[in-house]
Amino acid sequence: MTVDRTIAFIDMAGFTALTGAHGDDAALEVVDSFTDAASDAVKSAGVELVKTIGDAVMLAAIEPSAVLNAVRPLFEACLEIDSFPELRAGIHHGPVISRDGDYFGATVNLAARVTGRASSGQTLGTAAIFEAAKAAGIDTTDLGWHELRNVADPVQLWAIELSPTEVEFSVDPVCRMRLSRDAAVGHIRHNGVEHWLCSLKCIQAFTSDPDRYLSSQNRKP
């Protein structure tokens, strides 16, 4: 059956780096916390938590506004957890094939591609999402047209300001978890810049080769 749905993917930026730095058990605990936060966020928003895919969740709703109302508290909840990766999200609205509680088709694929284009802490949306955000008084930034992998035509994207900007935190350059300075085990000055780290293991790794980790921050998660 074909229906119209708003599809969102939210994942944890830098999750591979977190797993490499802290191991599979620690990464699984983070995934469990993320999934719990996502479940809480969708309950009051009329949004389906369709499934979890590794370090990502897939949401669906009839209207874009419902998804926006779920993504914002999910970002806020995860910002309150110290030593937690930053989230990123991509949202698109269009026709999908509904089958056995899941959704398939070009709309789903495009939402996933949009998510892959988002940076840490960023939510990107397509035209229908922009219109819903504008109607709700949410700040947006037009990012222009983008070529997305395996998508035939360029897609216009907007940054949707759903993540609180007043929250102050640092990002561990090794495992890329977000943490408050009070929660950091230590900090290191490199080339005149202070870097705050979550554990002795990350401090040792950063000390051995700081440029390796700083250069990796400039690449897509």
Protein backbone atom coordinates (compact mmCIF):
# COMPACT_ATOMS: atom_id res chain seq x y z
CA MET A 1 0.00 0.00 0.00
CA THR A 2 1.31 3.45 -0.92
CA VAL A 3 0.83 6.26 1.62
CA ASP A 4 2.36 9.68 2.29
CA ARG A 5 4.73 9.82 5.25
CA THR A 6 7.39 12.01 6.75
CA ILE A 7 10.50 9.90 7.24
CA ALA A 8 13.40 10.80 9.50
CA PHE A 9 16.66 9.09 10.28
CA ILE A 10 18.61 10.17 13.37
CA ASP A 11 22.02 8.74 14.05
CA MET A 12 24.98 9.33 16.33
CA ALA A 13 27.80 11.16 14.59
CA GLY A 14 31.22 9.65 15.21
CA PHE A 15 29.84 6.37 16.52
CA THR A 16 32.61 4.38 14.81
CA ALA A 17 35.22 6.47 16.61
CA LEU A 18 33.45 5.89 19.93
CA THR A 19 33.43 2.13 19.38
CA GLY A 20 37.11 2.11 18.46
CA ALA A 21 38.08 4.14 21.51
CA HIS A 22 35.91 2.51 24.17
CA GLY A 23 34.95 -0.92 22.84
CA ASP A 24 31.76 -2.71 21.87
CA ASP A 25 30.23 -2.95 25.37
CA ALA A 26 30.45 0.80 25.96
CA ALA A 27 29.07 1.46 22.49
CA LEU A 28 26.12 -0.85 23.15
CA GLU A 29 25.28 1.04 26.34
CA VAL A 30 25.22 4.28 24.35
CA VAL A 31 22.93 2.69 21.73
CA ASP A 32 20.56 1.52 24.49
CA SER A 33 20.43 5.04 25.97
CA PHE A 34 19.79 6.51 22.52
CA THR A 35 16.99 4.06 21.78
CA ASP A 36 15.35 4.74 25.15
CA ALA A 37 15.51 8.50 24.51
CA ALA A 38 14.01 8.02 21.04
CA SER A 39 11.15 5.93 22.45
CA ASP A 40 10.35 8.63 25.00
CA ALA A 41 10.52 11.39 22.37
CA VAL A 42 7.99 9.80 20.01
CA LYS A 43 5.39 8.87 22.64
CA SER A 44 3.73 12.29 22.86
CA ALA A 45 4.38 13.38 19.27
CA GLY A 46 2.23 10.88 17.38
CA VAL A 47 5.28 9.48 15.63
CA GLU A 48 6.22 5.88 14.88
CA LEU A 49 9.59 4.55 15.96
CA VAL A 50 9.83 2.27 12.93
CA LYS A 51 13.09 0.54 13.76
CA THR A 52 16.65 0.87 14.97
CA ILE A 53 19.48 0.34 12.51
CA GLY A 54 22.81 0.05 14.30
CA ASP A 55 23.46 3.53 15.71
CA ALA A 56 20.40 5.07 13.99
CA VAL A 57 16.65 5.19 14.46
CA MET A 58 14.01 5.57 11.75
CA LEU A 59 10.89 7.61 12.52
CA ALA A 60 7.71 8.05 10.50
CA ALA A 61 4.64 10.26 10.79
CA ILE A 62 1.73 11.46 8.69
CA GLU A 63 2.80 15.12 8.90
CA PRO A 64 6.25 16.79 9.00
CA SER A 65 5.27 18.82 12.07
CA ALA A 66 4.92 15.65 14.15
CA VAL A 67 8.45 14.54 13.29
CA LEU A 68 9.83 17.97 14.15
CA ASN A 69 8.05 17.70 17.51
CA ALA A 70 9.79 14.37 18.14
CA VAL A 71 13.29 15.23 16.91
CA ARG A 72 13.63 18.35 19.06
CA PRO A 73 13.11 16.57 22.44
CA LEU A 74 15.32 13.71 21.30
CA PHE A 75 18.17 16.15 20.63
CA GLU A 76 17.50 17.88 23.95
CA ALA A 77 17.40 14.62 25.91
CA CYS A 78 20.70 13.43 24.47
CA LEU A 79 22.34 16.80 25.15
CA GLU A 80 21.54 16.26 28.83
CA ILE A 81 23.52 13.00 28.88
CA ASP A 82 27.20 13.64 29.54
CA SER A 83 29.77 11.76 27.47
CA PHE A 84 27.34 11.10 24.64
CA PRO A 85 27.81 11.45 20.87
CA GLU A 86 26.22 14.33 18.99
CA LEU A 87 23.17 13.49 16.92
CA ARG A 88 22.40 14.39 13.33
CA ALA A 89 19.12 14.01 11.46
CA GLY A 90 17.66 14.04 7.96
CA ILE A 91 13.94 14.43 7.21
CA HIS A 92 11.93 14.08 3.98
CA HIS A 93 8.23 13.79 3.14
CA GLY A 94 6.66 11.88 0.27
CA PRO A 95 5.02 8.65 -0.90
CA VAL A 96 6.23 5.39 0.62
CA ILE A 97 5.26 1.75 0.42
CA SER A 98 3.89 0.57 3.77
CA ARG A 99 4.35 -3.11 4.54
CA ASP A 100 4.40 -5.07 7.81
CA GLY A 101 5.14 -2.01 9.96
CA ASP A 102 8.00 -0.78 7.78
CA TYR A 103 8.34 1.70 4.92
CA PHE A 104 10.16 1.42 1.60
CA GLY A 105 10.83 3.45 -1.51
CA ALA A 106 12.52 6.56 -2.86
CA THR A 107 11.29 8.79 -0.02
CA VAL A 108 12.95 6.55 2.56
CA ASN A 109 16.16 6.39 0.54
CA LEU A 110 16.27 10.15 0.14
CA ALA A 111 15.74 10.73 3.87
CA ALA A 112 18.72 8.46 4.53
CA ARG A 113 20.87 10.36 2.01
CA VAL A 114 19.90 13.68 3.58
CA THR A 115 20.95 12.36 6.99
CA GLY A 116 24.32 11.38 5.56
CA ARG A 117 24.85 14.97 4.44
CA ALA A 118 24.15 16.41 7.92
CA SER A 119 26.98 17.45 10.20
CA SER A 120 27.22 16.71 13.92
CA GLY A 121 24.38 18.37 15.80
CA GLN A 122 22.54 19.31 12.61
CA THR A 123 19.07 18.53 11.26
CA LEU A 124 18.57 18.79 7.49
CA GLY A 125 15.21 18.79 5.75
CA THR A 126 13.76 19.03 2.26
CA ALA A 127 11.11 21.48 1.01
CA ALA A 128 8.08 20.10 2.87
CA ILE A 129 10.07 20.01 6.08
CA PHE A 130 11.16 23.61 5.58
CA GLU A 131 7.54 24.69 5.13
CA ALA A 132 6.50 22.91 8.33
CA ALA A 133 9.39 24.43 10.26
CA LYS A 134 8.55 27.91 8.97
CA ALA A 135 4.90 27.48 9.98
CA ALA A 136 6.03 26.44 13.48
CA GLY A 137 8.35 29.43 13.84
CA ILE A 138 11.51 27.29 13.80
CA ASP A 139 14.61 28.98 12.41
CA THR A 140 15.93 27.59 9.13
CA THR A 141 18.87 28.20 6.82
CA ASP A 142 18.69 27.60 3.07
CA LEU A 143 21.71 25.48 2.15
CA GLY A 144 20.99 25.44 -1.59
CA TRP A 145 20.92 22.51 -3.97
CA HIS A 146 22.93 19.37 -3.36
CA GLU A 147 23.90 16.31 -5.36
CA LEU A 148 23.19 13.25 -3.24
CA ARG A 149 24.57 9.79 -3.88
CA ASN A 150 22.27 7.59 -6.00
CA VAL A 151 19.71 10.41 -6.30
CA ALA A 152 19.14 11.46 -9.91
CA ASP A 153 18.34 15.17 -9.44
CA PRO A 154 19.81 17.81 -7.11
CA VAL A 155 17.86 18.31 -3.88
CA GLN A 156 17.35 21.62 -2.08
CA LEU A 157 18.16 21.34 1.62
CA TRP A 158 17.52 23.49 4.68
CA ALA A 159 19.17 23.36 8.10
CA ILE A 160 16.37 23.13 10.67
CA GLU A 161 17.40 24.61 14.02
CA LEU A 162 16.18 21.94 16.42
CA SER A 163 19.27 21.55 18.60
CA PRO A 164 19.66 24.06 21.48
CA THR A 165 22.50 26.41 20.61
CA GLU A 166 22.99 27.80 24.13
CA VAL A 167 24.31 24.50 25.50
CA GLU A 168 28.07 24.64 26.03
CA PHE A 169 30.09 21.46 25.68
CA SER A 170 33.31 20.07 24.27
CA VAL A 171 33.84 17.13 21.94
CA ASP A 172 36.53 14.59 22.79
CA PRO A 173 38.76 14.54 19.66
CA VAL A 174 39.49 10.82 20.02
CA CYS A 175 36.12 9.15 20.65
CA ARG A 176 34.07 12.19 19.56
CA MET A 177 31.72 12.01 22.52
CA ARG A 178 30.23 15.29 23.72
CA LEU A 179 31.00 16.07 27.34
CA SER A 180 30.94 18.96 29.77
CA ARG A 181 34.28 20.15 31.04
CA ASP A 182 33.29 19.14 34.56
CA ALA A 183 32.94 15.54 33.33
CA ALA A 184 36.28 15.51 31.48
CA VAL A 185 39.13 13.50 32.98
CA GLY A 186 41.68 15.98 31.67
CA HIS A 187 42.55 18.50 29.00
CA ILE A 188 45.53 19.06 26.72
CA ARG A 189 46.65 22.23 24.97
CA HIS A 190 47.79 21.64 21.39
CA ASN A 191 48.78 24.46 19.04
CA GLY A 192 47.25 26.95 21.44
CA VAL A 193 43.86 25.19 21.66
CA GLU A 194 42.50 23.36 24.71
CA HIS A 195 41.09 19.87 24.08
CA TRP A 196 39.00 18.13 26.76
CA LEU A 197 39.05 14.33 26.97
CA CYS A 198 36.73 11.83 28.62
CA SER A 199 39.18 9.14 29.81
CA LEU A 200 42.80 8.27 30.38
CA LYS A 201 42.65 6.03 27.32
CA CYS A 202 41.62 8.96 25.13
CA ILE A 203 44.25 11.20 26.72
CA GLN A 204 46.97 8.64 25.92
CA ALA A 205 45.76 8.23 22.34
CA PHE A 206 45.56 11.97 21.74
CA THR A 207 48.97 12.61 23.28
CA SER A 208 50.58 10.01 21.01
CA ASP A 209 49.33 11.61 17.77
CA PRO A 210 47.11 14.69 18.20
CA ASP A 211 47.18 15.70 14.53
CA ARG A 212 45.66 12.34 13.55
CA TYR A 213 42.54 13.00 15.61
CA LEU A 214 42.24 16.69 14.84
CA SER A 215 42.42 16.07 11.09
CA SER A 216 39.71 13.40 11.37
CA GLN A 217 37.31 16.00 12.83
CA ASN A 218 37.29 17.73 9.45
CA ARG A 219 35.95 14.65 7.69
CA LYS A 220 32.33 13.59 7.50
CA PRO A 221 31.31 11.31 10.41
